[in-house]
Amino acid sequence: MTTSTSSLTSTLLDSLHEQFPKRNLHSFPSLKKVVLNYRVSEGRDSQETLAVAESELVSIAGQKPRLCKSKKSISTFKLREGEPLAYKVTLRGLRMHQFIEKLFNIVLPRLRDFKGMPLKAFDESGNYNLTIKDQTYFPEINLDKVNKIRPIQITLCISSSSKEDSKMLLSALGFPFEKQ
């Protein structure tokens, strides 16, 4: 871990410990990783589309994505084994914290009619899943080079066993939940 990442984590732990002084410091949840999935369904037809999608995801995430291919053929979806489906990036450490800061402070407030993120998007493990339906909300995307609007699925993986602890961590990070 770099010093800036550890200082971000320690600052967050200090603020959580002030809110809950009787709780053990090591029992607080932490953000383990952020996974970005960028579906490219028309990638099987042209390599140019794959290259454009890869460059968009590189500019958003700051690191090279991995191409995910289909594992088996499904005739109803006209899908053949080994065809490209999506790009996937896993962010950890400093890049993860920079992406989270950009997501919370720049991208989510840009969404049309944004009233906050729903509380129902937690899974059983306490991870939070959200989908941004337009990649142009990210400031790194050049609007002149966009040939198709694609959604980005973002999974915030949290080391927690409950949804309440995960919600507490995301609230401390500044995640905009919808008002009840």
N, C-alpha and C. Protein backbone atom coordinates (compact mmCIF):
# COMPACT_ATOMS: atom_id res chain seq x y z
N MET A 1 0.84 -1.19 0.00
CA MET A 1 0.00 0.00 0.00
C MET A 1 0.87 1.24 0.00
N THR A 2 0.46 2.22 -0.77
CA THR A 2 1.21 3.46 -0.79
C THR A 2 0.82 4.31 0.41
N THR A 3 1.61 5.33 0.68
CA THR A 3 1.34 6.16 1.85
C THR A 3 0.04 6.94 1.69
N SER A 4 -0.30 7.38 0.48
CA SER A 4 -1.53 8.12 0.29
C SER A 4 -2.76 7.22 0.47
N THR A 5 -2.66 5.97 0.03
CA THR A 5 -3.77 5.03 0.22
C THR A 5 -3.96 4.71 1.69
N SER A 6 -2.86 4.48 2.41
CA SER A 6 -2.98 4.17 3.83
C SER A 6 -3.46 5.38 4.62
N SER A 7 -3.09 6.59 4.20
CA SER A 7 -3.57 7.77 4.90
C SER A 7 -5.06 7.98 4.66
N LEU A 8 -5.54 7.66 3.43
CA LEU A 8 -6.98 7.74 3.17
C LEU A 8 -7.74 6.75 4.04
N THR A 9 -7.21 5.53 4.13
CA THR A 9 -7.87 4.50 4.93
C THR A 9 -7.85 4.86 6.41
N SER A 10 -6.74 5.36 6.91
CA SER A 10 -6.65 5.71 8.34
C SER A 10 -7.56 6.89 8.66
N THR A 11 -7.68 7.87 7.76
CA THR A 11 -8.58 9.00 7.98
C THR A 11 -10.03 8.51 8.05
N LEU A 12 -10.39 7.59 7.17
CA LEU A 12 -11.74 7.04 7.17
C LEU A 12 -12.00 6.25 8.45
N LEU A 13 -11.02 5.43 8.87
CA LEU A 13 -11.18 4.66 10.11
C LEU A 13 -11.31 5.58 11.32
N ASP A 14 -10.57 6.67 11.34
CA ASP A 14 -10.67 7.62 12.45
C ASP A 14 -12.05 8.25 12.52
N SER A 15 -12.60 8.62 11.37
CA SER A 15 -13.93 9.23 11.37
C SER A 15 -15.00 8.22 11.78
N LEU A 16 -14.86 6.96 11.34
CA LEU A 16 -15.82 5.93 11.75
C LEU A 16 -15.70 5.62 13.24
N HIS A 17 -14.46 5.64 13.75
CA HIS A 17 -14.25 5.35 15.17
C HIS A 17 -14.81 6.47 16.05
N GLU A 18 -14.81 7.71 15.55
CA GLU A 18 -15.43 8.81 16.30
C GLU A 18 -16.94 8.64 16.37
N GLN A 19 -17.55 8.13 15.30
CA GLN A 19 -19.00 7.92 15.29
C GLN A 19 -19.40 6.74 16.17
N PHE A 20 -18.58 5.69 16.18
CA PHE A 20 -18.86 4.47 16.93
C PHE A 20 -17.67 4.15 17.84
N PRO A 21 -17.54 4.85 18.97
CA PRO A 21 -16.33 4.69 19.80
C PRO A 21 -16.23 3.34 20.50
N LYS A 22 -17.34 2.63 20.72
CA LYS A 22 -17.28 1.37 21.44
C LYS A 22 -16.96 0.18 20.54
N ARG A 23 -16.91 0.41 19.27
CA ARG A 23 -16.66 -0.67 18.32
C ARG A 23 -15.16 -0.87 18.12
N ASN A 24 -14.77 -2.12 17.95
CA ASN A 24 -13.37 -2.45 17.73
C ASN A 24 -12.91 -1.86 16.39
N LEU A 25 -11.72 -1.31 16.36
CA LEU A 25 -11.19 -0.65 15.17
C LEU A 25 -11.03 -1.61 14.00
N HIS A 26 -10.73 -2.87 14.27
CA HIS A 26 -10.52 -3.85 13.21
C HIS A 26 -11.82 -4.46 12.67
N SER A 27 -12.94 -4.14 13.30
CA SER A 27 -14.21 -4.70 12.85
C SER A 27 -14.92 -3.81 11.83
N PHE A 28 -14.37 -2.64 11.55
CA PHE A 28 -14.99 -1.77 10.56
C PHE A 28 -14.78 -2.33 9.16
N PRO A 29 -15.77 -2.19 8.29
CA PRO A 29 -15.61 -2.68 6.92
C PRO A 29 -14.66 -1.78 6.13
N SER A 30 -14.13 -2.33 5.05
CA SER A 30 -13.26 -1.54 4.18
C SER A 30 -13.59 -1.87 2.73
N LEU A 31 -13.20 -0.97 1.85
CA LEU A 31 -13.41 -1.16 0.43
C LEU A 31 -12.26 -1.98 -0.11
N LYS A 32 -12.56 -3.20 -0.61
CA LYS A 32 -11.51 -4.09 -1.10
C LYS A 32 -11.14 -3.79 -2.54
N LYS A 33 -12.14 -3.67 -3.40
CA LYS A 33 -11.87 -3.43 -4.82
C LYS A 33 -13.11 -2.87 -5.49
N VAL A 34 -12.91 -2.33 -6.68
CA VAL A 34 -13.99 -1.85 -7.53
C VAL A 34 -13.84 -2.56 -8.87
N VAL A 35 -14.93 -3.18 -9.33
CA VAL A 35 -14.90 -3.92 -10.59
C VAL A 35 -15.80 -3.19 -11.59
N LEU A 36 -15.23 -2.89 -12.76
CA LEU A 36 -15.98 -2.23 -13.83
C LEU A 36 -16.21 -3.23 -14.95
N ASN A 37 -17.45 -3.38 -15.39
CA ASN A 37 -17.80 -4.24 -16.52
C ASN A 37 -18.37 -3.36 -17.62
N TYR A 38 -17.84 -3.53 -18.82
CA TYR A 38 -18.20 -2.70 -19.96
C TYR A 38 -18.60 -3.61 -21.09
N ARG A 39 -19.90 -3.80 -21.29
CA ARG A 39 -20.41 -4.76 -22.27
C ARG A 39 -20.24 -4.22 -23.68
N VAL A 40 -19.71 -5.08 -24.56
CA VAL A 40 -19.51 -4.74 -25.96
C VAL A 40 -20.12 -5.88 -26.78
N SER A 41 -21.43 -5.85 -26.96
CA SER A 41 -22.12 -6.96 -27.64
C SER A 41 -21.82 -7.00 -29.12
N GLU A 42 -21.57 -5.85 -29.74
CA GLU A 42 -21.29 -5.84 -31.17
C GLU A 42 -19.80 -6.04 -31.46
N GLY A 43 -19.02 -6.38 -30.47
CA GLY A 43 -17.59 -6.60 -30.63
C GLY A 43 -17.25 -7.82 -31.46
N ARG A 44 -18.17 -8.77 -31.56
CA ARG A 44 -17.88 -9.96 -32.36
C ARG A 44 -17.90 -9.67 -33.85
N ASP A 45 -18.52 -8.54 -34.23
CA ASP A 45 -18.61 -8.19 -35.64
C ASP A 45 -17.41 -7.40 -36.13
N SER A 46 -16.85 -6.51 -35.27
CA SER A 46 -15.75 -5.68 -35.75
C SER A 46 -14.70 -5.48 -34.66
N GLN A 47 -13.46 -5.56 -35.08
CA GLN A 47 -12.35 -5.33 -34.15
C GLN A 47 -12.22 -3.84 -33.82
N GLU A 48 -12.69 -2.99 -34.71
CA GLU A 48 -12.61 -1.55 -34.49
C GLU A 48 -13.48 -1.14 -33.29
N THR A 49 -14.66 -1.75 -33.18
CA THR A 49 -15.54 -1.47 -32.05
C THR A 49 -14.89 -1.90 -30.74
N LEU A 50 -14.23 -3.05 -30.75
CA LEU A 50 -13.51 -3.50 -29.56
C LEU A 50 -12.40 -2.53 -29.18
N ALA A 51 -11.67 -2.04 -30.16
CA ALA A 51 -10.57 -1.11 -29.88
C ALA A 51 -11.08 0.20 -29.30
N VAL A 52 -12.19 0.72 -29.83
CA VAL A 52 -12.77 1.95 -29.31
C VAL A 52 -13.26 1.76 -27.88
N ALA A 53 -13.95 0.65 -27.63
CA ALA A 53 -14.45 0.36 -26.29
C ALA A 53 -13.29 0.20 -25.30
N GLU A 54 -12.23 -0.47 -25.73
CA GLU A 54 -11.07 -0.64 -24.85
C GLU A 54 -10.43 0.70 -24.52
N SER A 55 -10.29 1.57 -25.50
CA SER A 55 -9.69 2.87 -25.23
C SER A 55 -10.57 3.72 -24.32
N GLU A 56 -11.90 3.61 -24.45
CA GLU A 56 -12.80 4.33 -23.56
C GLU A 56 -12.64 3.86 -22.12
N LEU A 57 -12.58 2.54 -21.94
CA LEU A 57 -12.45 2.00 -20.59
C LEU A 57 -11.07 2.29 -19.99
N VAL A 58 -10.03 2.32 -20.82
CA VAL A 58 -8.70 2.70 -20.34
C VAL A 58 -8.72 4.14 -19.84
N SER A 59 -9.37 5.04 -20.56
CA SER A 59 -9.43 6.43 -20.13
C SER A 59 -10.27 6.61 -18.86
N ILE A 60 -11.31 5.80 -18.69
CA ILE A 60 -12.15 5.89 -17.49
C ILE A 60 -11.43 5.32 -16.27
N ALA A 61 -10.87 4.12 -16.42
CA ALA A 61 -10.31 3.41 -15.26
C ALA A 61 -8.85 3.73 -15.00
N GLY A 62 -8.09 4.06 -16.03
CA GLY A 62 -6.68 4.34 -15.84
C GLY A 62 -5.79 3.12 -15.93
N GLN A 63 -6.35 1.99 -16.31
CA GLN A 63 -5.55 0.79 -16.53
C GLN A 63 -6.20 -0.05 -17.61
N LYS A 64 -5.41 -0.95 -18.18
CA LYS A 64 -5.87 -1.75 -19.32
C LYS A 64 -6.88 -2.80 -18.86
N PRO A 65 -8.01 -2.91 -19.58
CA PRO A 65 -9.02 -3.92 -19.22
C PRO A 65 -8.69 -5.29 -19.79
N ARG A 66 -9.40 -6.28 -19.26
CA ARG A 66 -9.27 -7.67 -19.72
C ARG A 66 -10.50 -7.99 -20.56
N LEU A 67 -10.28 -8.61 -21.70
CA LEU A 67 -11.39 -8.99 -22.58
C LEU A 67 -12.00 -10.30 -22.09
N CYS A 68 -13.30 -10.29 -21.84
CA CYS A 68 -14.02 -11.50 -21.41
C CYS A 68 -14.73 -12.09 -22.62
N LYS A 69 -14.53 -13.38 -22.82
CA LYS A 69 -15.13 -14.07 -23.96
C LYS A 69 -16.17 -15.08 -23.47
N SER A 70 -17.08 -15.45 -24.36
CA SER A 70 -18.12 -16.41 -23.97
C SER A 70 -17.51 -17.79 -23.73
N LYS A 71 -18.04 -18.47 -22.73
CA LYS A 71 -17.50 -19.77 -22.36
C LYS A 71 -18.16 -20.91 -23.11
N LYS A 72 -19.41 -20.68 -23.55
CA LYS A 72 -20.09 -21.73 -24.31
C LYS A 72 -21.03 -21.10 -25.33
N SER A 73 -21.45 -21.88 -26.26
CA SER A 73 -22.35 -21.41 -27.32
C SER A 73 -23.79 -21.48 -26.85
N ILE A 74 -24.56 -20.43 -27.17
CA ILE A 74 -25.99 -20.40 -26.86
C ILE A 74 -26.69 -19.96 -28.14
N SER A 75 -27.42 -20.87 -28.76
CA SER A 75 -28.00 -20.60 -30.07
C SER A 75 -29.12 -19.57 -30.03
N THR A 76 -29.86 -19.50 -28.93
CA THR A 76 -30.95 -18.53 -28.85
C THR A 76 -30.44 -17.10 -28.89
N PHE A 77 -29.25 -16.86 -28.37
CA PHE A 77 -28.66 -15.52 -28.37
C PHE A 77 -27.68 -15.32 -29.52
N LYS A 78 -27.60 -16.31 -30.42
CA LYS A 78 -26.66 -16.28 -31.55
C LYS A 78 -25.23 -16.04 -31.05
N LEU A 79 -24.89 -16.75 -30.01
CA LEU A 79 -23.59 -16.59 -29.36
C LEU A 79 -22.76 -17.86 -29.57
N ARG A 80 -21.54 -17.68 -29.97
CA ARG A 80 -20.63 -18.80 -30.18
C ARG A 80 -19.53 -18.77 -29.15
N GLU A 81 -19.01 -19.92 -28.83
CA GLU A 81 -17.94 -20.04 -27.84
C GLU A 81 -16.70 -19.27 -28.30
N GLY A 82 -16.14 -18.48 -27.37
CA GLY A 82 -14.93 -17.72 -27.67
C GLY A 82 -15.15 -16.34 -28.26
N GLU A 83 -16.40 -15.93 -28.45
CA GLU A 83 -16.67 -14.59 -28.97
C GLU A 83 -16.53 -13.55 -27.87
N PRO A 84 -16.02 -12.36 -28.18
CA PRO A 84 -15.86 -11.32 -27.17
C PRO A 84 -17.21 -10.79 -26.70
N LEU A 85 -17.33 -10.62 -25.37
CA LEU A 85 -18.58 -10.13 -24.79
C LEU A 85 -18.43 -8.78 -24.11
N ALA A 86 -17.38 -8.64 -23.29
CA ALA A 86 -17.26 -7.44 -22.46
C ALA A 86 -15.80 -7.22 -22.08
N TYR A 87 -15.55 -6.03 -21.56
CA TYR A 87 -14.26 -5.72 -20.95
C TYR A 87 -14.46 -5.60 -19.45
N LYS A 88 -13.44 -5.99 -18.70
CA LYS A 88 -13.53 -5.99 -17.25
C LYS A 88 -12.25 -5.41 -16.66
N VAL A 89 -12.40 -4.54 -15.66
CA VAL A 89 -11.25 -3.94 -14.97
C VAL A 89 -11.49 -4.07 -13.47
N THR A 90 -10.46 -4.47 -12.75
CA THR A 90 -10.51 -4.51 -11.29
C THR A 90 -9.54 -3.47 -10.75
N LEU A 91 -10.08 -2.52 -9.98
CA LEU A 91 -9.26 -1.44 -9.42
C LEU A 91 -9.03 -1.69 -7.94
N ARG A 92 -7.78 -1.50 -7.52
CA ARG A 92 -7.42 -1.62 -6.11
C ARG A 92 -6.50 -0.48 -5.74
N GLY A 93 -6.38 -0.22 -4.44
CA GLY A 93 -5.40 0.75 -3.96
C GLY A 93 -5.72 2.18 -4.34
N LEU A 94 -4.69 2.91 -4.76
CA LEU A 94 -4.82 4.33 -5.06
C LEU A 94 -5.75 4.58 -6.25
N ARG A 95 -5.65 3.77 -7.30
CA ARG A 95 -6.54 3.93 -8.45
C ARG A 95 -8.01 3.74 -8.05
N MET A 96 -8.26 2.81 -7.14
CA MET A 96 -9.62 2.58 -6.67
C MET A 96 -10.14 3.82 -5.95
N HIS A 97 -9.32 4.39 -5.07
CA HIS A 97 -9.76 5.57 -4.32
C HIS A 97 -9.94 6.78 -5.23
N GLN A 98 -9.09 6.93 -6.24
CA GLN A 98 -9.25 8.02 -7.19
C GLN A 98 -10.53 7.85 -8.01
N PHE A 99 -10.83 6.61 -8.41
CA PHE A 99 -12.05 6.35 -9.17
C PHE A 99 -13.28 6.60 -8.31
N ILE A 100 -13.26 6.17 -7.06
CA ILE A 100 -14.39 6.37 -6.16
C ILE A 100 -14.65 7.86 -5.96
N GLU A 101 -13.59 8.62 -5.75
CA GLU A 101 -13.74 10.07 -5.58
C GLU A 101 -14.35 10.71 -6.82
N LYS A 102 -13.87 10.31 -8.00
CA LYS A 102 -14.41 10.84 -9.26
C LYS A 102 -15.88 10.42 -9.44
N LEU A 103 -16.19 9.18 -9.10
CA LEU A 103 -17.56 8.67 -9.25
C LEU A 103 -18.52 9.42 -8.34
N PHE A 104 -18.15 9.58 -7.07
CA PHE A 104 -19.05 10.21 -6.11
C PHE A 104 -19.20 11.71 -6.33
N ASN A 105 -18.13 12.40 -6.72
CA ASN A 105 -18.15 13.86 -6.78
C ASN A 105 -18.43 14.44 -8.16
N ILE A 106 -18.15 13.68 -9.22
CA ILE A 106 -18.32 14.24 -10.57
C ILE A 106 -19.40 13.51 -11.36
N VAL A 107 -19.30 12.18 -11.43
CA VAL A 107 -20.16 11.41 -12.33
C VAL A 107 -21.59 11.32 -11.81
N LEU A 108 -21.79 10.90 -10.57
CA LEU A 108 -23.15 10.70 -10.07
C LEU A 108 -23.96 12.00 -10.01
N PRO A 109 -23.37 13.14 -9.61
CA PRO A 109 -24.17 14.38 -9.67
C PRO A 109 -24.55 14.82 -11.09
N ARG A 110 -23.85 14.32 -12.12
CA ARG A 110 -24.18 14.67 -13.50
C ARG A 110 -25.39 13.91 -14.03
N LEU A 111 -25.79 12.84 -13.38
CA LEU A 111 -26.90 12.02 -13.87
C LEU A 111 -28.18 12.84 -13.91
N ARG A 112 -28.96 12.58 -14.94
CA ARG A 112 -30.21 13.31 -15.11
C ARG A 112 -31.21 12.91 -14.04
N ASP A 113 -31.88 13.90 -13.46
CA ASP A 113 -32.89 13.70 -12.40
C ASP A 113 -32.32 12.86 -11.26
N PHE A 114 -31.11 13.18 -10.83
CA PHE A 114 -30.44 12.39 -9.80
C PHE A 114 -30.97 12.77 -8.42
N LYS A 115 -31.51 11.78 -7.73
CA LYS A 115 -32.04 11.99 -6.38
C LYS A 115 -31.32 11.13 -5.36
N GLY A 116 -30.27 10.47 -5.77
CA GLY A 116 -29.53 9.58 -4.88
C GLY A 116 -29.60 8.15 -5.39
N MET A 117 -28.70 7.34 -4.87
CA MET A 117 -28.64 5.94 -5.28
C MET A 117 -29.54 5.09 -4.37
N PRO A 118 -30.18 4.07 -4.92
CA PRO A 118 -31.11 3.26 -4.12
C PRO A 118 -30.40 2.39 -3.09
N LEU A 119 -31.09 2.14 -1.99
CA LEU A 119 -30.56 1.29 -0.93
C LEU A 119 -30.75 -0.20 -1.23
N LYS A 120 -31.52 -0.52 -2.27
CA LYS A 120 -31.82 -1.92 -2.59
C LYS A 120 -30.73 -2.59 -3.42
N ALA A 121 -29.68 -1.89 -3.77
CA ALA A 121 -28.68 -2.43 -4.69
C ALA A 121 -27.57 -3.21 -3.98
N PHE A 122 -27.71 -3.47 -2.68
CA PHE A 122 -26.74 -4.29 -1.96
C PHE A 122 -27.06 -5.76 -2.19
N ASP A 123 -26.03 -6.59 -2.34
CA ASP A 123 -26.26 -8.03 -2.43
C ASP A 123 -26.11 -8.65 -1.04
N GLU A 124 -26.17 -9.97 -0.95
CA GLU A 124 -26.12 -10.65 0.34
C GLU A 124 -24.78 -10.47 1.05
N SER A 125 -23.72 -10.28 0.30
CA SER A 125 -22.38 -10.14 0.88
C SER A 125 -22.07 -8.72 1.32
N GLY A 126 -22.96 -7.78 1.04
CA GLY A 126 -22.72 -6.39 1.40
C GLY A 126 -22.07 -5.58 0.30
N ASN A 127 -21.92 -6.14 -0.90
CA ASN A 127 -21.35 -5.40 -2.02
C ASN A 127 -22.44 -4.54 -2.66
N TYR A 128 -22.04 -3.41 -3.24
CA TYR A 128 -22.99 -2.50 -3.86
C TYR A 128 -22.80 -2.53 -5.37
N ASN A 129 -23.91 -2.69 -6.11
CA ASN A 129 -23.88 -2.75 -7.57
C ASN A 129 -24.68 -1.59 -8.14
N LEU A 130 -24.08 -0.91 -9.11
CA LEU A 130 -24.81 0.16 -9.78
C LEU A 130 -24.45 0.15 -11.25
N THR A 131 -25.36 0.65 -12.07
CA THR A 131 -25.13 0.72 -13.51
C THR A 131 -25.34 2.15 -13.96
N ILE A 132 -24.34 2.68 -14.65
CA ILE A 132 -24.46 4.00 -15.26
C ILE A 132 -24.75 3.74 -16.74
N LYS A 133 -25.89 4.22 -17.20
CA LYS A 133 -26.38 3.84 -18.52
C LYS A 133 -25.72 4.57 -19.68
N ASP A 134 -24.81 5.49 -19.38
CA ASP A 134 -24.17 6.27 -20.43
C ASP A 134 -22.73 6.55 -20.04
N GLN A 135 -21.78 6.12 -20.86
CA GLN A 135 -20.37 6.31 -20.52
C GLN A 135 -19.92 7.75 -20.69
N THR A 136 -20.74 8.60 -21.31
CA THR A 136 -20.33 9.98 -21.54
C THR A 136 -20.43 10.85 -20.29
N TYR A 137 -20.96 10.33 -19.21
CA TYR A 137 -20.96 11.07 -17.95
C TYR A 137 -19.56 11.19 -17.36
N PHE A 138 -18.66 10.32 -17.76
CA PHE A 138 -17.29 10.39 -17.27
C PHE A 138 -16.56 11.51 -18.02
N PRO A 139 -15.82 12.35 -17.33
CA PRO A 139 -15.19 13.51 -17.98
C PRO A 139 -14.06 13.14 -18.94
N GLU A 140 -13.51 11.94 -18.86
CA GLU A 140 -12.39 11.55 -19.72
C GLU A 140 -12.84 11.16 -21.13
N ILE A 141 -14.11 10.91 -21.32
CA ILE A 141 -14.62 10.45 -22.60
C ILE A 141 -14.73 11.63 -23.57
N ASN A 142 -14.12 11.48 -24.74
CA ASN A 142 -14.22 12.48 -25.79
C ASN A 142 -15.53 12.24 -26.54
N LEU A 143 -16.44 13.21 -26.49
CA LEU A 143 -17.76 13.03 -27.08
C LEU A 143 -17.72 12.93 -28.59
N ASP A 144 -16.68 13.46 -29.22
CA ASP A 144 -16.58 13.38 -30.67
C ASP A 144 -16.25 11.98 -31.15
N LYS A 145 -15.61 11.17 -30.31
CA LYS A 145 -15.17 9.83 -30.70
C LYS A 145 -16.15 8.73 -30.29
N VAL A 146 -17.23 9.08 -29.59
CA VAL A 146 -18.20 8.08 -29.14
C VAL A 146 -19.06 7.66 -30.32
N ASN A 147 -19.06 6.35 -30.60
CA ASN A 147 -19.89 5.85 -31.71
C ASN A 147 -21.17 5.18 -31.23
N LYS A 148 -21.20 4.77 -29.96
CA LYS A 148 -22.40 4.15 -29.40
C LYS A 148 -22.42 4.36 -27.90
N ILE A 149 -23.60 4.59 -27.35
CA ILE A 149 -23.77 4.76 -25.91
C ILE A 149 -23.80 3.37 -25.29
N ARG A 150 -22.93 3.14 -24.30
CA ARG A 150 -22.85 1.84 -23.63
C ARG A 150 -22.97 2.02 -22.12
N PRO A 151 -23.61 1.08 -21.44
CA PRO A 151 -23.67 1.15 -19.98
C PRO A 151 -22.40 0.57 -19.33
N ILE A 152 -22.11 1.06 -18.14
CA ILE A 152 -20.98 0.57 -17.34
C ILE A 152 -21.56 0.05 -16.03
N GLN A 153 -21.28 -1.21 -15.73
CA GLN A 153 -21.71 -1.76 -14.46
C GLN A 153 -20.55 -1.66 -13.48
N ILE A 154 -20.82 -1.11 -12.29
CA ILE A 154 -19.79 -0.90 -11.28
C ILE A 154 -20.17 -1.68 -10.04
N THR A 155 -19.24 -2.48 -9.53
CA THR A 155 -19.45 -3.24 -8.31
C THR A 155 -18.43 -2.78 -7.28
N LEU A 156 -18.92 -2.30 -6.14
CA LEU A 156 -18.07 -1.90 -5.03
C LEU A 156 -17.99 -3.06 -4.06
N CYS A 157 -16.85 -3.75 -4.02
CA CYS A 157 -16.68 -4.92 -3.16
C CYS A 157 -16.21 -4.46 -1.79
N ILE A 158 -16.99 -4.80 -0.78
CA ILE A 158 -16.75 -4.32 0.58
C ILE A 158 -16.54 -5.51 1.51
N SER A 159 -15.54 -5.40 2.38
CA SER A 159 -15.27 -6.48 3.34
C SER A 159 -16.21 -6.33 4.52
N SER A 160 -17.42 -6.78 4.32
CA SER A 160 -18.44 -6.66 5.36
C SER A 160 -19.35 -7.87 5.26
N SER A 161 -19.97 -8.19 6.37
CA SER A 161 -20.88 -9.33 6.35
C SER A 161 -22.34 -8.89 6.35
N SER A 162 -22.59 -7.58 6.49
CA SER A 162 -23.97 -7.12 6.53
C SER A 162 -24.15 -5.87 5.66
N LYS A 163 -25.38 -5.67 5.25
CA LYS A 163 -25.70 -4.51 4.43
C LYS A 163 -25.59 -3.21 5.23
N GLU A 164 -25.88 -3.27 6.52
CA GLU A 164 -25.83 -2.07 7.35
C GLU A 164 -24.40 -1.56 7.49
N ASP A 165 -23.44 -2.48 7.67
CA ASP A 165 -22.04 -2.06 7.76
C ASP A 165 -21.56 -1.48 6.43
N SER A 166 -21.97 -2.07 5.33
CA SER A 166 -21.58 -1.56 4.02
C SER A 166 -22.17 -0.18 3.79
N LYS A 167 -23.42 0.01 4.19
CA LYS A 167 -24.06 1.32 4.04
C LYS A 167 -23.34 2.35 4.90
N MET A 168 -22.91 1.96 6.10
CA MET A 168 -22.18 2.86 6.98
C MET A 168 -20.87 3.29 6.33
N LEU A 169 -20.15 2.36 5.72
CA LEU A 169 -18.88 2.68 5.07
C LEU A 169 -19.09 3.61 3.88
N LEU A 170 -20.05 3.29 3.03
CA LEU A 170 -20.29 4.13 1.85
C LEU A 170 -20.78 5.52 2.25
N SER A 171 -21.55 5.62 3.31
CA SER A 171 -21.99 6.94 3.78
C SER A 171 -20.81 7.74 4.28
N ALA A 172 -19.88 7.09 4.97
CA ALA A 172 -18.68 7.78 5.45
C ALA A 172 -17.79 8.24 4.30
N LEU A 173 -17.81 7.49 3.20
CA LEU A 173 -17.04 7.88 2.02
C LEU A 173 -17.70 9.02 1.24
N GLY A 174 -18.98 9.28 1.51
CA GLY A 174 -19.69 10.35 0.83
C GLY A 174 -20.59 9.86 -0.29
N PHE A 175 -20.98 8.60 -0.27
CA PHE A 175 -21.85 8.05 -1.30
C PHE A 175 -23.24 8.66 -1.17
N PRO A 176 -23.81 9.18 -2.26
CA PRO A 176 -25.11 9.84 -2.19
C PRO A 176 -26.27 8.86 -2.26
N PHE A 177 -26.78 8.44 -1.10
CA PHE A 177 -27.96 7.58 -1.06
C PHE A 177 -29.21 8.42 -1.20
N GLU A 178 -30.29 7.80 -1.70
CA GLU A 178 -31.55 8.54 -1.83
C GLU A 178 -32.16 8.78 -0.46
N LYS A 179 -32.86 9.88 -0.35
CA LYS A 179 -33.48 10.26 0.93
C LYS A 179 -34.74 9.43 1.12
N GLN A 180 -34.96 8.99 2.33
CA GLN A 180 -36.13 8.16 2.63
C GLN A 180 -37.32 9.04 2.99
